[in-house]
Amino acid sequence: MRTGPAALALVLAVPAAGAEGEPAVAVLETFVASRPHEVAEAAPPRFVLLEDGQVFVGGASAVAQGQLEKGELKALLQRLDSVRKLPALAGRVELGSGTERYRLLLRRGRPIDMTITGALDQAAPALRPLASLLRDLARFDHGTLRPYRPAQYALRAREAALPGGCRTWRLPEPPSASVFAPRVVPASAVEGWPTGAEPASVCHEDKRYVVTFRPMLPGE
């Protein structure tokens, strides 16, 4: 999977609950488009932790799923709780200069939704636990991670044209139905199409659209 370095564009939605109803404890979004045609909003979150220790790690389009052991989950939850208690937290946190951008949602207890900007190595002493957490989650890797096959995708379209040709639209609903709000489609409808931040150029009737299919995680 390819991921952006340390920048953020908000995704259409983030997981609200796991497959068995567990709420997402933490969600980190870090993807930024590295090529002009990419649509960062369609990329999956970089990191998602569920109550039962399931983790999801996203790149530009692919998602991996893993499972933390009880001790690993406990240690990570303790770090999250420690960050929640930092006195300098706010809806927007500046660590220093730099173009890095993150969005971190913490849902264990009172929900906290933060946009963090600046270089992690410039964090003030009071914010270093937050910077350390962001660094580790953005680079998260685990031996249990395996490719995740989404059951559904969030379809979004906008009227525009990409360079080159365009595909013929073959889904039942026209792309115009997904311009103002994303529409959920099954994985079977996405076969053969680019997913995540990689868009597709579509011709339908007398218009052209840029279409994306964002992988949806359990519980969205």
C-alpha atoms as a PDB file:
ATOM      1  CA  MET A   1       0.000   0.000   0.000  1.00  0.00           C
ATOM      2  CA  ARG A   2       1.166   3.535  -0.738  1.00  0.00           C
ATOM      3  CA  THR A   3       0.498   6.198   1.825  1.00  0.00           C
ATOM      4  CA  GLY A   4       1.120   9.897   1.967  1.00  0.00           C
ATOM      5  CA  PRO A   5       3.850  11.147   4.323  1.00  0.00           C
ATOM      6  CA  ALA A   6       2.149  13.298   6.917  1.00  0.00           C
ATOM      7  CA  ALA A   7      -0.748  15.205   5.465  1.00  0.00           C
ATOM      8  CA  LEU A   8      -4.479  15.006   5.547  1.00  0.00           C
ATOM      9  CA  ALA A   9      -7.579  15.374   3.483  1.00  0.00           C
ATOM     10  CA  LEU A  10     -10.833  14.512   5.196  1.00  0.00           C
ATOM     11  CA  VAL A  11     -12.548  11.358   4.003  1.00  0.00           C
ATOM     12  CA  LEU A  12     -16.267  11.145   3.295  1.00  0.00           C
ATOM     13  CA  ALA A  13     -16.923   9.275   6.525  1.00  0.00           C
ATOM     14  CA  VAL A  14     -15.024   7.368   9.159  1.00  0.00           C
ATOM     15  CA  PRO A  15     -15.926   4.064  10.788  1.00  0.00           C
ATOM     16  CA  ALA A  16     -18.507   4.427  13.513  1.00  0.00           C
ATOM     17  CA  ALA A  17     -18.594   0.839  14.673  1.00  0.00           C
ATOM     18  CA  GLY A  18     -16.995  -2.507  14.103  1.00  0.00           C
ATOM     19  CA  ALA A  19     -18.473  -5.601  12.555  1.00  0.00           C
ATOM     20  CA  GLU A  20     -19.922  -6.686  15.900  1.00  0.00           C
ATOM     21  CA  GLY A  21     -21.043  -3.199  16.953  1.00  0.00           C
ATOM     22  CA  GLU A  22     -17.800  -2.106  18.631  1.00  0.00           C
ATOM     23  CA  PRO A  23     -17.204   1.625  18.248  1.00  0.00           C
ATOM     24  CA  ALA A  24     -13.986   2.803  16.646  1.00  0.00           C
ATOM     25  CA  VAL A  25     -11.698   3.905  19.471  1.00  0.00           C
ATOM     26  CA  ALA A  26      -9.340   5.936  17.297  1.00  0.00           C
ATOM     27  CA  VAL A  27      -9.212   7.079  13.688  1.00  0.00           C
ATOM     28  CA  LEU A  28      -6.234   8.759  12.045  1.00  0.00           C
ATOM     29  CA  GLU A  29      -6.428  10.337   8.593  1.00  0.00           C
ATOM     30  CA  THR A  30      -3.152  11.230   6.901  1.00  0.00           C
ATOM     31  CA  PHE A  31      -3.512  10.662   3.169  1.00  0.00           C
ATOM     32  CA  VAL A  32      -2.704  13.487   0.777  1.00  0.00           C
ATOM     33  CA  ALA A  33      -2.877  13.320  -3.002  1.00  0.00           C
ATOM     34  CA  SER A  34       0.616  13.013  -4.464  1.00  0.00           C
ATOM     35  CA  ARG A  35      -0.521  13.216  -8.090  1.00  0.00           C
ATOM     36  CA  PRO A  36      -2.711  15.958  -9.597  1.00  0.00           C
ATOM     37  CA  HIS A  37      -5.607  13.686 -10.524  1.00  0.00           C
ATOM     38  CA  GLU A  38      -5.885  11.850  -7.189  1.00  0.00           C
ATOM     39  CA  VAL A  39      -8.895  12.522  -4.941  1.00  0.00           C
ATOM     40  CA  ALA A  40      -7.689  12.491  -1.352  1.00  0.00           C
ATOM     41  CA  GLU A  41     -11.235  12.466   0.054  1.00  0.00           C
ATOM     42  CA  ALA A  42     -11.743   9.004  -1.420  1.00  0.00           C
ATOM     43  CA  ALA A  43      -8.752   7.418   0.314  1.00  0.00           C
ATOM     44  CA  PRO A  44      -9.471   5.221   3.352  1.00  0.00           C
ATOM     45  CA  PRO A  45      -8.282   6.334   6.817  1.00  0.00           C
ATOM     46  CA  ARG A  46      -4.645   5.660   7.561  1.00  0.00           C
ATOM     47  CA  PHE A  47      -5.350   3.916  10.884  1.00  0.00           C
ATOM     48  CA  VAL A  48      -8.483   2.693  12.665  1.00  0.00           C
ATOM     49  CA  LEU A  49      -8.635   0.901  16.009  1.00  0.00           C
ATOM     50  CA  LEU A  50     -11.775  -0.918  17.164  1.00  0.00           C
ATOM     51  CA  GLU A  51     -12.744  -1.835  20.730  1.00  0.00           C
ATOM     52  CA  ASP A  52     -11.934  -5.506  20.223  1.00  0.00           C
ATOM     53  CA  GLY A  53      -8.384  -4.797  19.019  1.00  0.00           C
ATOM     54  CA  GLN A  54      -9.049  -4.999  15.299  1.00  0.00           C
ATOM     55  CA  VAL A  55      -6.944  -2.542  13.321  1.00  0.00           C
ATOM     56  CA  PHE A  56      -7.301  -1.278   9.776  1.00  0.00           C
ATOM     57  CA  VAL A  57      -4.450   0.408   7.929  1.00  0.00           C
ATOM     58  CA  GLY A  58      -5.213   2.274   4.729  1.00  0.00           C
ATOM     59  CA  GLY A  59      -3.141   3.552   1.855  1.00  0.00           C
ATOM     60  CA  ALA A  60      -4.131   5.296  -1.344  1.00  0.00           C
ATOM     61  CA  SER A  61      -6.717   2.641  -2.144  1.00  0.00           C
ATOM     62  CA  ALA A  62      -5.984  -0.653  -0.388  1.00  0.00           C
ATOM     63  CA  VAL A  63      -6.758  -1.536   3.230  1.00  0.00           C
ATOM     64  CA  ALA A  64      -5.118  -4.101   5.502  1.00  0.00           C
ATOM     65  CA  GLN A  65      -6.759  -5.668   8.546  1.00  0.00           C
ATOM     66  CA  GLY A  66      -5.046  -7.013  11.645  1.00  0.00           C
ATOM     67  CA  GLN A  67      -5.669  -7.995  15.250  1.00  0.00           C
ATOM     68  CA  LEU A  68      -3.810  -6.770  18.312  1.00  0.00           C
ATOM     69  CA  GLU A  69      -3.120  -9.088  21.211  1.00  0.00           C
ATOM     70  CA  LYS A  70      -4.658  -8.168  24.562  1.00  0.00           C
ATOM     71  CA  GLY A  71      -1.404  -6.745  25.879  1.00  0.00           C
ATOM     72  CA  GLU A  72      -0.836  -4.683  22.747  1.00  0.00           C
ATOM     73  CA  LEU A  73      -4.378  -3.344  22.861  1.00  0.00           C
ATOM     74  CA  LYS A  74      -4.072  -2.426  26.527  1.00  0.00           C
ATOM     75  CA  ALA A  75      -0.808  -0.569  25.920  1.00  0.00           C
ATOM     76  CA  LEU A  76      -2.246   1.381  22.990  1.00  0.00           C
ATOM     77  CA  LEU A  77      -5.408   2.271  24.906  1.00  0.00           C
ATOM     78  CA  GLN A  78      -3.248   3.599  27.721  1.00  0.00           C
ATOM     79  CA  ARG A  79      -1.385   5.820  25.253  1.00  0.00           C
ATOM     80  CA  LEU A  80      -4.667   7.101  23.856  1.00  0.00           C
ATOM     81  CA  ASP A  81      -5.952   7.855  27.353  1.00  0.00           C
ATOM     82  CA  SER A  82      -2.723   9.679  28.190  1.00  0.00           C
ATOM     83  CA  VAL A  83      -3.046  11.858  25.103  1.00  0.00           C
ATOM     84  CA  ARG A  84      -6.675  12.643  25.955  1.00  0.00           C
ATOM     85  CA  LYS A  85      -5.499  14.096  29.271  1.00  0.00           C
ATOM     86  CA  LEU A  86      -3.037  16.545  27.740  1.00  0.00           C
ATOM     87  CA  PRO A  87      -3.978  20.096  28.832  1.00  0.00           C
ATOM     88  CA  ALA A  88      -3.095  21.695  25.476  1.00  0.00           C
ATOM     89  CA  LEU A  89      -5.576  19.760  23.341  1.00  0.00           C
ATOM     90  CA  ALA A  90      -8.086  21.629  21.209  1.00  0.00           C
ATOM     91  CA  GLY A  91      -9.975  21.252  17.966  1.00  0.00           C
ATOM     92  CA  ARG A  92      -6.917  22.601  16.169  1.00  0.00           C
ATOM     93  CA  VAL A  93      -3.394  21.923  17.438  1.00  0.00           C
ATOM     94  CA  GLU A  94      -0.248  23.501  15.976  1.00  0.00           C
ATOM     95  CA  LEU A  95       3.014  21.671  16.628  1.00  0.00           C
ATOM     96  CA  GLY A  96       5.263  24.048  14.717  1.00  0.00           C
ATOM     97  CA  SER A  97       6.165  25.002  11.172  1.00  0.00           C
ATOM     98  CA  GLY A  98       5.729  22.669   8.232  1.00  0.00           C
ATOM     99  CA  THR A  99       2.942  21.536   5.941  1.00  0.00           C
ATOM    100  CA  GLU A 100       2.114  18.274   7.737  1.00  0.00           C
ATOM    101  CA  ARG A 101      -1.566  17.834   8.559  1.00  0.00           C
ATOM    102  CA  TYR A 102      -3.343  15.112  10.501  1.00  0.00           C
ATOM    103  CA  ARG A 103      -6.846  14.487  11.719  1.00  0.00           C
ATOM    104  CA  LEU A 104      -7.194  12.386  14.853  1.00  0.00           C
ATOM    105  CA  LEU A 105     -10.509  11.267  16.285  1.00  0.00           C
ATOM    106  CA  LEU A 106     -10.558   9.744  19.763  1.00  0.00           C
ATOM    107  CA  ARG A 107     -13.863   8.168  20.764  1.00  0.00           C
ATOM    108  CA  ARG A 108     -13.012   6.442  24.034  1.00  0.00           C
ATOM    109  CA  GLY A 109     -14.913   8.594  26.507  1.00  0.00           C
ATOM    110  CA  ARG A 110     -15.792  12.128  25.443  1.00  0.00           C
ATOM    111  CA  PRO A 111     -15.162  12.317  21.674  1.00  0.00           C
ATOM    112  CA  ILE A 112     -12.233  14.482  20.611  1.00  0.00           C
ATOM    113  CA  ASP A 113     -11.774  15.534  16.992  1.00  0.00           C
ATOM    114  CA  MET A 114      -8.450  17.246  16.319  1.00  0.00           C
ATOM    115  CA  THR A 115      -6.738  18.684  13.274  1.00  0.00           C
ATOM    116  CA  ILE A 116      -2.998  18.792  13.943  1.00  0.00           C
ATOM    117  CA  THR A 117      -0.551  20.744  11.810  1.00  0.00           C
ATOM    118  CA  GLY A 118       3.226  21.158  11.771  1.00  0.00           C
ATOM    119  CA  ALA A 119       6.310  18.996  12.029  1.00  0.00           C
ATOM    120  CA  LEU A 120       6.142  16.317  14.723  1.00  0.00           C
ATOM    121  CA  ASP A 121       9.749  16.872  15.790  1.00  0.00           C
ATOM    122  CA  GLN A 122       8.918  20.505  16.633  1.00  0.00           C
ATOM    123  CA  ALA A 123       6.255  19.668  19.199  1.00  0.00           C
ATOM    124  CA  ALA A 124       6.509  21.478  22.511  1.00  0.00           C
ATOM    125  CA  PRO A 125       7.246  19.248  25.538  1.00  0.00           C
ATOM    126  CA  ALA A 126       3.594  19.282  26.593  1.00  0.00           C
ATOM    127  CA  LEU A 127       2.537  17.940  23.170  1.00  0.00           C
ATOM    128  CA  ARG A 128       5.281  15.373  22.595  1.00  0.00           C
ATOM    129  CA  PRO A 129       3.078  12.424  23.659  1.00  0.00           C
ATOM    130  CA  LEU A 130       0.625  13.468  20.928  1.00  0.00           C
ATOM    131  CA  ALA A 131       3.408  13.820  18.353  1.00  0.00           C
ATOM    132  CA  SER A 132       4.797  10.421  19.302  1.00  0.00           C
ATOM    133  CA  LEU A 133       1.360   8.805  18.973  1.00  0.00           C
ATOM    134  CA  LEU A 134       0.783  10.358  15.559  1.00  0.00           C
ATOM    135  CA  ARG A 135       4.181   9.209  14.337  1.00  0.00           C
ATOM    136  CA  ASP A 136       3.590   5.625  15.460  1.00  0.00           C
ATOM    137  CA  LEU A 137       0.053   5.380  14.089  1.00  0.00           C
ATOM    138  CA  ALA A 138       1.014   6.922  10.749  1.00  0.00           C
ATOM    139  CA  ARG A 139       3.756   4.303  10.387  1.00  0.00           C
ATOM    140  CA  PHE A 140       1.775   1.488  11.952  1.00  0.00           C
ATOM    141  CA  ASP A 141       2.694  -2.028  10.965  1.00  0.00           C
ATOM    142  CA  HIS A 142       1.814  -5.365  12.525  1.00  0.00           C
ATOM    143  CA  GLY A 143       2.545  -8.992  11.795  1.00  0.00           C
ATOM    144  CA  THR A 144      -1.142  -9.889  11.537  1.00  0.00           C
ATOM    145  CA  LEU A 145      -1.972  -7.378   8.794  1.00  0.00           C
ATOM    146  CA  ARG A 146      -3.557  -8.985   5.768  1.00  0.00           C
ATOM    147  CA  PRO A 147      -5.379  -7.502   2.759  1.00  0.00           C
ATOM    148  CA  TYR A 148      -8.932  -6.505   3.603  1.00  0.00           C
ATOM    149  CA  ARG A 149     -11.686  -6.998   1.038  1.00  0.00           C
ATOM    150  CA  PRO A 150     -14.400  -4.377   1.560  1.00  0.00           C
ATOM    151  CA  ALA A 151     -17.972  -5.522   1.104  1.00  0.00           C
ATOM    152  CA  GLN A 152     -19.101  -2.030   0.113  1.00  0.00           C
ATOM    153  CA  TYR A 153     -17.755   1.170  -1.389  1.00  0.00           C
ATOM    154  CA  ALA A 154     -18.858   4.786  -1.164  1.00  0.00           C
ATOM    155  CA  LEU A 155     -19.448   6.048  -4.692  1.00  0.00           C
ATOM    156  CA  ARG A 156     -18.949   9.754  -5.324  1.00  0.00           C
ATOM    157  CA  ALA A 157     -19.098  11.609  -8.620  1.00  0.00           C
ATOM    158  CA  ARG A 158     -18.551  15.145  -9.831  1.00  0.00           C
ATOM    159  CA  GLU A 159     -19.081  16.615 -13.240  1.00  0.00           C
ATOM    160  CA  ALA A 160     -15.606  17.105 -14.676  1.00  0.00           C
ATOM    161  CA  ALA A 161     -13.201  15.597 -17.192  1.00  0.00           C
ATOM    162  CA  LEU A 162      -9.813  13.961 -16.768  1.00  0.00           C
ATOM    163  CA  PRO A 163      -7.210  13.910 -19.541  1.00  0.00           C
ATOM    164  CA  GLY A 164      -7.671  11.079 -22.026  1.00  0.00           C
ATOM    165  CA  GLY A 165     -10.716   8.974 -22.738  1.00  0.00           C
ATOM    166  CA  CYS A 166     -13.572   7.915 -20.507  1.00  0.00           C
ATOM    167  CA  ARG A 167     -15.365   4.752 -19.481  1.00  0.00           C
ATOM    168  CA  THR A 168     -18.942   3.887 -20.305  1.00  0.00           C
ATOM    169  CA  TRP A 169     -21.112   3.910 -17.192  1.00  0.00           C
ATOM    170  CA  ARG A 170     -22.751   0.529 -16.585  1.00  0.00           C
ATOM    171  CA  LEU A 171     -24.068   0.777 -13.028  1.00  0.00           C
ATOM    172  CA  PRO A 172     -27.881   0.923 -12.614  1.00  0.00           C
ATOM    173  CA  GLU A 173     -27.996   4.427 -11.125  1.00  0.00           C
ATOM    174  CA  PRO A 174     -26.525   7.307 -13.168  1.00  0.00           C
ATOM    175  CA  PRO A 175     -23.392   9.002 -11.791  1.00  0.00           C
ATOM    176  CA  SER A 176     -25.407  12.186 -11.304  1.00  0.00           C
ATOM    177  CA  ALA A 177     -27.195  10.421  -8.416  1.00  0.00           C
ATOM    178  CA  SER A 178     -23.926  10.478  -6.433  1.00  0.00           C
ATOM    179  CA  VAL A 179     -22.909  14.094  -7.031  1.00  0.00           C
ATOM    180  CA  PHE A 180     -24.454  15.697  -3.940  1.00  0.00           C
ATOM    181  CA  ALA A 181     -23.965  12.807  -1.533  1.00  0.00           C
ATOM    182  CA  PRO A 182     -22.035   9.514  -1.687  1.00  0.00           C
ATOM    183  CA  ARG A 183     -23.973   6.363  -2.456  1.00  0.00           C
ATOM    184  CA  VAL A 184     -23.127   2.910  -1.112  1.00  0.00           C
ATOM    185  CA  VAL A 185     -22.548   0.221  -3.734  1.00  0.00           C
ATOM    186  CA  PRO A 186     -21.588  -3.452  -3.294  1.00  0.00           C
ATOM    187  CA  ALA A 187     -18.071  -4.661  -4.042  1.00  0.00           C
ATOM    188  CA  SER A 188     -19.378  -6.619  -7.024  1.00  0.00           C
ATOM    189  CA  ALA A 189     -20.282  -3.348  -8.743  1.00  0.00           C
ATOM    190  CA  VAL A 190     -16.714  -2.063  -8.375  1.00  0.00           C
ATOM    191  CA  GLU A 191     -14.911  -4.941 -10.065  1.00  0.00           C
ATOM    192  CA  GLY A 192     -12.618  -3.620 -12.771  1.00  0.00           C
ATOM    193  CA  TRP A 193     -12.766  -0.020 -11.511  1.00  0.00           C
ATOM    194  CA  PRO A 194      -9.995   1.918  -9.729  1.00  0.00           C
ATOM    195  CA  THR A 195     -10.714   2.466  -6.047  1.00  0.00           C
ATOM    196  CA  GLY A 196      -9.692   4.835  -3.282  1.00  0.00           C
ATOM    197  CA  ALA A 197      -7.915   8.013  -4.310  1.00  0.00           C
ATOM    198  CA  GLU A 198      -7.514   6.832  -7.912  1.00  0.00           C
ATOM    199  CA  PRO A 199     -10.484   8.227  -9.877  1.00  0.00           C
ATOM    200  CA  ALA A 200     -12.119   7.068 -13.082  1.00  0.00           C
ATOM    201  CA  SER A 201     -13.282   9.232 -15.957  1.00  0.00           C
ATOM    202  CA  VAL A 202     -16.830   8.359 -16.994  1.00  0.00           C
ATOM    203  CA  CYS A 203     -18.990   9.264 -19.977  1.00  0.00           C
ATOM    204  CA  HIS A 204     -22.742   9.163 -19.409  1.00  0.00           C
ATOM    205  CA  GLU A 205     -25.290  10.606 -21.801  1.00  0.00           C
ATOM    206  CA  ASP A 206     -23.815  13.959 -22.865  1.00  0.00           C
ATOM    207  CA  LYS A 207     -21.720  14.595 -19.728  1.00  0.00           C
ATOM    208  CA  ARG A 208     -18.404  13.507 -18.278  1.00  0.00           C
ATOM    209  CA  TYR A 209     -17.798  12.697 -14.620  1.00  0.00           C
ATOM    210  CA  VAL A 210     -14.890  12.001 -12.294  1.00  0.00           C
ATOM    211  CA  VAL A 211     -15.926   9.026 -10.172  1.00  0.00           C
ATOM    212  CA  THR A 212     -14.328   7.526  -7.050  1.00  0.00           C
ATOM    213  CA  PHE A 213     -15.045   4.410  -5.013  1.00  0.00           C
ATOM    214  CA  ARG A 214     -13.888   4.733  -1.396  1.00  0.00           C
ATOM    215  CA  PRO A 215     -13.459   1.421   0.486  1.00  0.00           C
ATOM    216  CA  MET A 216     -15.829   1.239   3.437  1.00  0.00           C
ATOM    217  CA  LEU A 217     -14.762  -0.349   6.701  1.00  0.00           C
ATOM    218  CA  PRO A 218     -16.968  -2.462   9.011  1.00  0.00           C
ATOM    219  CA  GLY A 219     -19.726  -0.503  10.681  1.00  0.00           C
ATOM    220  CA  GLU A 220     -19.751   2.543   8.409  1.00  0.00           C
END
